[in-house]
Amino acid sequence: LARSGTSIAKENAAGALGNLACNADNKVALAAAGGIGPLVELARSGTSIAKENAAGALGNLACNADNKVALAAAGGIGPLVELARSGTSVAKENAAGALWKLSVNDDNEVAIADAGGIGPL
């Protein structure tokens, strides 16, 4: 649904994935199932609600060290920086939280700065 559903289905799927990603085992399973890419795409080009939910889900997934790397590799830093800069208040909060978790990784720290993430944070 996060890939090809209706706008509302994508919003709900991103929210559900965010809730599922609160569990450590689910963080691994969601990444292994290819869940990071569709969430990055929703953070980039979804509805306002989908962006909020996707940023929250990515933040939950970013609590896992391997997912920090995978999220950056999937191009997730740029959309999160953009949401922190110009998203809704909820999107800004969720994106800032995700970037905070991602910044624990040294390579991501540099990528966040290179993407212009220092200003919005």
N, C-alpha and C. Protein backbone atom coordinates (compact mmCIF):
# COMPACT_ATOMS: atom_id res chain seq x y z
N LEU A 1 0.81 -1.20 0.00
CA LEU A 1 0.00 0.00 0.00
C LEU A 1 0.85 1.27 0.00
N ALA A 2 2.00 1.23 0.67
CA ALA A 2 2.85 2.41 0.71
C ALA A 2 3.41 2.75 -0.67
N ARG A 3 3.44 1.76 -1.56
CA ARG A 3 3.97 1.97 -2.91
C ARG A 3 2.89 2.36 -3.91
N SER A 4 1.74 1.70 -3.85
CA SER A 4 0.80 1.84 -4.95
C SER A 4 -0.64 2.03 -4.54
N GLY A 5 -0.91 2.30 -3.29
CA GLY A 5 -2.28 2.49 -2.85
C GLY A 5 -2.78 3.90 -3.14
N THR A 6 -3.99 4.17 -2.73
CA THR A 6 -4.53 5.52 -2.82
C THR A 6 -3.77 6.42 -1.86
N SER A 7 -3.99 7.71 -1.97
CA SER A 7 -3.31 8.65 -1.06
C SER A 7 -3.62 8.33 0.40
N ILE A 8 -4.87 8.03 0.68
CA ILE A 8 -5.24 7.70 2.06
C ILE A 8 -4.61 6.38 2.49
N ALA A 9 -4.58 5.41 1.60
CA ALA A 9 -3.95 4.13 1.93
C ALA A 9 -2.46 4.33 2.22
N LYS A 10 -1.80 5.18 1.45
CA LYS A 10 -0.38 5.45 1.69
C LYS A 10 -0.17 6.14 3.04
N GLU A 11 -1.04 7.09 3.35
CA GLU A 11 -0.95 7.76 4.65
C GLU A 11 -1.09 6.76 5.79
N ASN A 12 -2.09 5.89 5.67
CA ASN A 12 -2.34 4.89 6.71
C ASN A 12 -1.23 3.86 6.77
N ALA A 13 -0.72 3.46 5.61
CA ALA A 13 0.37 2.48 5.60
C ALA A 13 1.61 3.04 6.27
N ALA A 14 1.93 4.30 5.98
CA ALA A 14 3.09 4.92 6.61
C ALA A 14 2.90 5.01 8.13
N GLY A 15 1.69 5.33 8.56
CA GLY A 15 1.42 5.37 10.00
C GLY A 15 1.54 4.01 10.64
N ALA A 16 1.00 3.00 9.97
CA ALA A 16 1.08 1.64 10.51
C ALA A 16 2.53 1.16 10.58
N LEU A 17 3.31 1.44 9.53
CA LEU A 17 4.72 1.04 9.54
C LEU A 17 5.47 1.75 10.65
N GLY A 18 5.11 3.00 10.90
CA GLY A 18 5.74 3.73 12.00
C GLY A 18 5.45 3.09 13.35
N ASN A 19 4.21 2.68 13.53
CA ASN A 19 3.86 2.00 14.79
C ASN A 19 4.56 0.66 14.90
N LEU A 20 4.60 -0.09 13.82
CA LEU A 20 5.29 -1.39 13.84
C LEU A 20 6.78 -1.22 14.12
N ALA A 21 7.35 -0.12 13.64
CA ALA A 21 8.79 0.10 13.80
C ALA A 21 9.18 0.51 15.21
N CYS A 22 8.21 0.58 16.11
CA CYS A 22 8.55 0.84 17.52
C CYS A 22 9.18 -0.40 18.17
N ASN A 23 8.98 -1.56 17.56
CA ASN A 23 9.49 -2.82 18.07
C ASN A 23 10.83 -3.14 17.40
N ALA A 24 11.83 -3.52 18.19
CA ALA A 24 13.18 -3.76 17.67
C ALA A 24 13.20 -4.83 16.58
N ASP A 25 12.50 -5.94 16.79
CA ASP A 25 12.48 -6.99 15.77
C ASP A 25 11.81 -6.50 14.49
N ASN A 26 10.77 -5.70 14.64
CA ASN A 26 10.07 -5.17 13.47
C ASN A 26 10.93 -4.19 12.68
N LYS A 27 11.80 -3.45 13.37
CA LYS A 27 12.71 -2.53 12.67
C LYS A 27 13.54 -3.30 11.65
N VAL A 28 14.04 -4.45 12.07
CA VAL A 28 14.86 -5.29 11.20
C VAL A 28 14.00 -5.88 10.09
N ALA A 29 12.84 -6.39 10.46
CA ALA A 29 11.95 -7.03 9.47
C ALA A 29 11.46 -6.04 8.42
N LEU A 30 11.11 -4.83 8.84
CA LEU A 30 10.62 -3.83 7.89
C LEU A 30 11.71 -3.44 6.90
N ALA A 31 12.92 -3.28 7.38
CA ALA A 31 14.02 -2.95 6.48
C ALA A 31 14.30 -4.11 5.53
N ALA A 32 14.30 -5.33 6.05
CA ALA A 32 14.56 -6.50 5.21
C ALA A 32 13.48 -6.69 4.15
N ALA A 33 12.27 -6.27 4.45
CA ALA A 33 11.16 -6.40 3.51
C ALA A 33 11.12 -5.26 2.49
N GLY A 34 12.09 -4.36 2.55
CA GLY A 34 12.13 -3.26 1.58
C GLY A 34 11.27 -2.07 1.96
N GLY A 35 11.00 -1.89 3.24
CA GLY A 35 10.12 -0.83 3.67
C GLY A 35 10.72 0.56 3.69
N ILE A 36 12.03 0.67 3.67
CA ILE A 36 12.65 1.99 3.78
C ILE A 36 12.44 2.82 2.51
N GLY A 37 12.66 2.24 1.35
CA GLY A 37 12.51 2.98 0.09
C GLY A 37 11.15 3.63 -0.10
N PRO A 38 10.06 2.88 0.06
CA PRO A 38 8.74 3.51 -0.09
C PRO A 38 8.48 4.62 0.94
N LEU A 39 9.01 4.47 2.13
CA LEU A 39 8.84 5.53 3.14
C LEU A 39 9.62 6.78 2.75
N VAL A 40 10.81 6.59 2.21
CA VAL A 40 11.59 7.75 1.73
C VAL A 40 10.82 8.45 0.61
N GLU A 41 10.25 7.67 -0.30
CA GLU A 41 9.48 8.27 -1.39
C GLU A 41 8.27 9.03 -0.86
N LEU A 42 7.58 8.48 0.13
CA LEU A 42 6.45 9.20 0.72
C LEU A 42 6.91 10.47 1.42
N ALA A 43 8.05 10.43 2.09
CA ALA A 43 8.59 11.63 2.73
C ALA A 43 8.92 12.69 1.69
N ARG A 44 9.29 12.27 0.51
CA ARG A 44 9.66 13.18 -0.56
C ARG A 44 8.43 13.75 -1.28
N SER A 45 7.45 12.89 -1.57
CA SER A 45 6.40 13.34 -2.49
C SER A 45 4.99 12.91 -2.10
N GLY A 46 4.78 12.50 -0.87
CA GLY A 46 3.44 12.12 -0.44
C GLY A 46 2.60 13.33 -0.08
N THR A 47 1.39 13.05 0.36
CA THR A 47 0.54 14.12 0.89
C THR A 47 1.17 14.64 2.18
N SER A 48 0.65 15.72 2.71
CA SER A 48 1.19 16.27 3.96
C SER A 48 1.14 15.24 5.08
N ILE A 49 0.03 14.51 5.17
CA ILE A 49 -0.10 13.50 6.22
C ILE A 49 0.85 12.33 5.96
N ALA A 50 0.98 11.92 4.71
CA ALA A 50 1.90 10.83 4.38
C ALA A 50 3.33 11.24 4.72
N LYS A 51 3.69 12.49 4.45
CA LYS A 51 5.03 12.97 4.79
C LYS A 51 5.26 12.94 6.30
N GLU A 52 4.26 13.39 7.06
CA GLU A 52 4.37 13.36 8.52
C GLU A 52 4.56 11.93 9.01
N ASN A 53 3.72 11.02 8.52
CA ASN A 53 3.78 9.63 8.97
C ASN A 53 5.06 8.94 8.51
N ALA A 54 5.48 9.23 7.28
CA ALA A 54 6.71 8.62 6.77
C ALA A 54 7.92 9.09 7.58
N ALA A 55 7.97 10.38 7.89
CA ALA A 55 9.09 10.90 8.69
C ALA A 55 9.11 10.26 10.07
N GLY A 56 7.94 10.07 10.66
CA GLY A 56 7.87 9.39 11.96
C GLY A 56 8.33 7.95 11.87
N ALA A 57 7.90 7.25 10.82
CA ALA A 57 8.31 5.86 10.63
C ALA A 57 9.81 5.76 10.41
N LEU A 58 10.35 6.66 9.59
CA LEU A 58 11.79 6.64 9.34
C LEU A 58 12.58 6.93 10.61
N GLY A 59 12.03 7.81 11.45
CA GLY A 59 12.68 8.07 12.74
C GLY A 59 12.70 6.84 13.62
N ASN A 60 11.60 6.10 13.62
CA ASN A 60 11.57 4.86 14.41
C ASN A 60 12.54 3.83 13.85
N LEU A 61 12.59 3.71 12.54
CA LEU A 61 13.51 2.76 11.92
C LEU A 61 14.97 3.16 12.17
N ALA A 62 15.23 4.45 12.29
CA ALA A 62 16.60 4.95 12.45
C ALA A 62 17.18 4.66 13.83
N CYS A 63 16.43 4.05 14.71
CA CYS A 63 16.98 3.66 16.01
C CYS A 63 17.89 2.44 15.88
N ASN A 64 17.86 1.78 14.73
CA ASN A 64 18.67 0.60 14.46
C ASN A 64 19.90 1.02 13.65
N ALA A 65 21.09 0.58 14.07
CA ALA A 65 22.34 1.01 13.42
C ALA A 65 22.38 0.67 11.93
N ASP A 66 21.97 -0.54 11.57
CA ASP A 66 21.98 -0.92 10.16
C ASP A 66 20.99 -0.08 9.36
N ASN A 67 19.86 0.24 9.97
CA ASN A 67 18.86 1.05 9.29
C ASN A 67 19.33 2.48 9.08
N LYS A 68 20.17 2.99 9.97
CA LYS A 68 20.74 4.32 9.77
C LYS A 68 21.49 4.38 8.45
N VAL A 69 22.27 3.34 8.19
CA VAL A 69 23.04 3.26 6.95
C VAL A 69 22.11 3.07 5.76
N ALA A 70 21.15 2.17 5.89
CA ALA A 70 20.23 1.87 4.80
C ALA A 70 19.36 3.07 4.45
N LEU A 71 18.94 3.82 5.45
CA LEU A 71 18.11 4.99 5.20
C LEU A 71 18.88 6.04 4.43
N ALA A 72 20.13 6.26 4.80
CA ALA A 72 20.95 7.21 4.06
C ALA A 72 21.19 6.72 2.63
N ALA A 73 21.47 5.43 2.49
CA ALA A 73 21.72 4.86 1.16
C ALA A 73 20.50 4.96 0.26
N ALA A 74 19.31 4.94 0.86
CA ALA A 74 18.07 5.03 0.10
C ALA A 74 17.71 6.48 -0.24
N GLY A 75 18.57 7.42 0.12
CA GLY A 75 18.31 8.82 -0.20
C GLY A 75 17.39 9.51 0.78
N GLY A 76 17.30 9.01 2.00
CA GLY A 76 16.35 9.55 2.96
C GLY A 76 16.74 10.84 3.64
N ILE A 77 18.00 11.19 3.62
CA ILE A 77 18.42 12.39 4.36
C ILE A 77 17.88 13.66 3.72
N GLY A 78 17.98 13.77 2.41
CA GLY A 78 17.49 14.97 1.72
C GLY A 78 16.02 15.28 1.99
N PRO A 79 15.11 14.30 1.80
CA PRO A 79 13.71 14.58 2.08
C PRO A 79 13.44 14.93 3.55
N LEU A 80 14.18 14.33 4.46
CA LEU A 80 14.00 14.66 5.88
C LEU A 80 14.47 16.08 6.18
N VAL A 81 15.57 16.49 5.57
CA VAL A 81 16.03 17.87 5.74
C VAL A 81 14.99 18.84 5.18
N GLU A 82 14.45 18.52 4.02
CA GLU A 82 13.44 19.39 3.41
C GLU A 82 12.20 19.48 4.30
N LEU A 83 11.77 18.36 4.89
CA LEU A 83 10.63 18.40 5.80
C LEU A 83 10.94 19.21 7.05
N ALA A 84 12.16 19.08 7.57
CA ALA A 84 12.55 19.87 8.74
C ALA A 84 12.55 21.36 8.42
N ARG A 85 12.81 21.69 7.17
CA ARG A 85 12.86 23.08 6.74
C ARG A 85 11.46 23.64 6.46
N SER A 86 10.63 22.86 5.75
CA SER A 86 9.41 23.46 5.23
C SER A 86 8.17 22.58 5.33
N GLY A 87 8.21 21.55 6.14
CA GLY A 87 7.03 20.69 6.30
C GLY A 87 6.03 21.30 7.27
N THR A 88 4.96 20.56 7.50
CA THR A 88 4.01 20.96 8.54
C THR A 88 4.70 20.90 9.89
N SER A 89 4.07 21.42 10.92
CA SER A 89 4.71 21.39 12.24
C SER A 89 4.97 19.95 12.69
N VAL A 90 4.06 19.04 12.39
CA VAL A 90 4.26 17.62 12.75
C VAL A 90 5.39 17.03 11.91
N ALA A 91 5.41 17.34 10.62
CA ALA A 91 6.48 16.82 9.76
C ALA A 91 7.84 17.35 10.22
N LYS A 92 7.89 18.63 10.59
CA LYS A 92 9.15 19.19 11.07
C LYS A 92 9.63 18.45 12.32
N GLU A 93 8.71 18.22 13.24
CA GLU A 93 9.06 17.53 14.48
C GLU A 93 9.54 16.11 14.20
N ASN A 94 8.81 15.38 13.35
CA ASN A 94 9.18 14.00 13.04
C ASN A 94 10.49 13.94 12.26
N ALA A 95 10.67 14.85 11.32
CA ALA A 95 11.90 14.86 10.53
C ALA A 95 13.10 15.21 11.41
N ALA A 96 12.94 16.19 12.30
CA ALA A 96 14.04 16.55 13.19
C ALA A 96 14.42 15.38 14.08
N GLY A 97 13.43 14.66 14.57
CA GLY A 97 13.72 13.47 15.39
C GLY A 97 14.46 12.41 14.60
N ALA A 98 14.03 12.20 13.35
CA ALA A 98 14.70 11.20 12.51
C ALA A 98 16.14 11.63 12.23
N LEU A 99 16.34 12.89 11.93
CA LEU A 99 17.70 13.38 11.65
C LEU A 99 18.58 13.28 12.88
N TRP A 100 18.01 13.52 14.05
CA TRP A 100 18.76 13.38 15.29
C TRP A 100 19.27 11.95 15.43
N LYS A 101 18.37 10.99 15.21
CA LYS A 101 18.76 9.57 15.33
C LYS A 101 19.78 9.19 14.25
N LEU A 102 19.60 9.71 13.04
CA LEU A 102 20.53 9.41 11.97
C LEU A 102 21.91 10.00 12.22
N SER A 103 21.96 11.14 12.90
CA SER A 103 23.22 11.85 13.09
C SER A 103 24.18 11.15 14.05
N VAL A 104 23.73 10.10 14.71
CA VAL A 104 24.61 9.33 15.57
C VAL A 104 25.67 8.61 14.74
N ASN A 105 25.39 8.40 13.47
CA ASN A 105 26.32 7.79 12.53
C ASN A 105 27.20 8.89 11.93
N ASP A 106 28.52 8.72 11.99
CA ASP A 106 29.45 9.77 11.52
C ASP A 106 29.23 10.15 10.06
N ASP A 107 29.04 9.17 9.19
CA ASP A 107 28.82 9.47 7.77
C ASP A 107 27.52 10.25 7.57
N ASN A 108 26.50 9.88 8.34
CA ASN A 108 25.23 10.59 8.23
C ASN A 108 25.34 12.03 8.75
N GLU A 109 26.17 12.22 9.77
CA GLU A 109 26.40 13.57 10.28
C GLU A 109 26.85 14.49 9.15
N VAL A 110 27.82 14.02 8.38
CA VAL A 110 28.36 14.79 7.27
C VAL A 110 27.29 14.97 6.19
N ALA A 111 26.56 13.91 5.88
CA ALA A 111 25.53 13.98 4.85
C ALA A 111 24.42 14.95 5.22
N ILE A 112 24.05 14.98 6.49
CA ILE A 112 23.01 15.91 6.96
C ILE A 112 23.49 17.34 6.79
N ALA A 113 24.73 17.61 7.19
CA ALA A 113 25.29 18.94 7.02
C ALA A 113 25.37 19.32 5.53
N ASP A 114 25.84 18.38 4.70
CA ASP A 114 25.95 18.63 3.26
C ASP A 114 24.60 18.90 2.61
N ALA A 115 23.54 18.31 3.16
CA ALA A 115 22.19 18.49 2.62
C ALA A 115 21.53 19.77 3.14
N GLY A 116 22.25 20.55 3.93
CA GLY A 116 21.72 21.79 4.46
C GLY A 116 20.91 21.62 5.72
N GLY A 117 21.13 20.52 6.43
CA GLY A 117 20.32 20.20 7.59
C GLY A 117 20.63 20.97 8.85
N ILE A 118 21.75 21.65 8.92
CA ILE A 118 22.09 22.35 10.15
C ILE A 118 21.15 23.52 10.39
N GLY A 119 20.87 24.30 9.37
CA GLY A 119 20.00 25.47 9.50
C GLY A 119 18.62 25.16 10.06
N PRO A 120 17.91 24.21 9.44
CA PRO A 120 16.56 23.93 9.94
C PRO A 120 16.55 23.32 11.35
N LEU A 121 17.63 22.66 11.72
CA LEU A 121 17.68 22.05 13.04
C LEU A 121 18.06 23.08 14.08
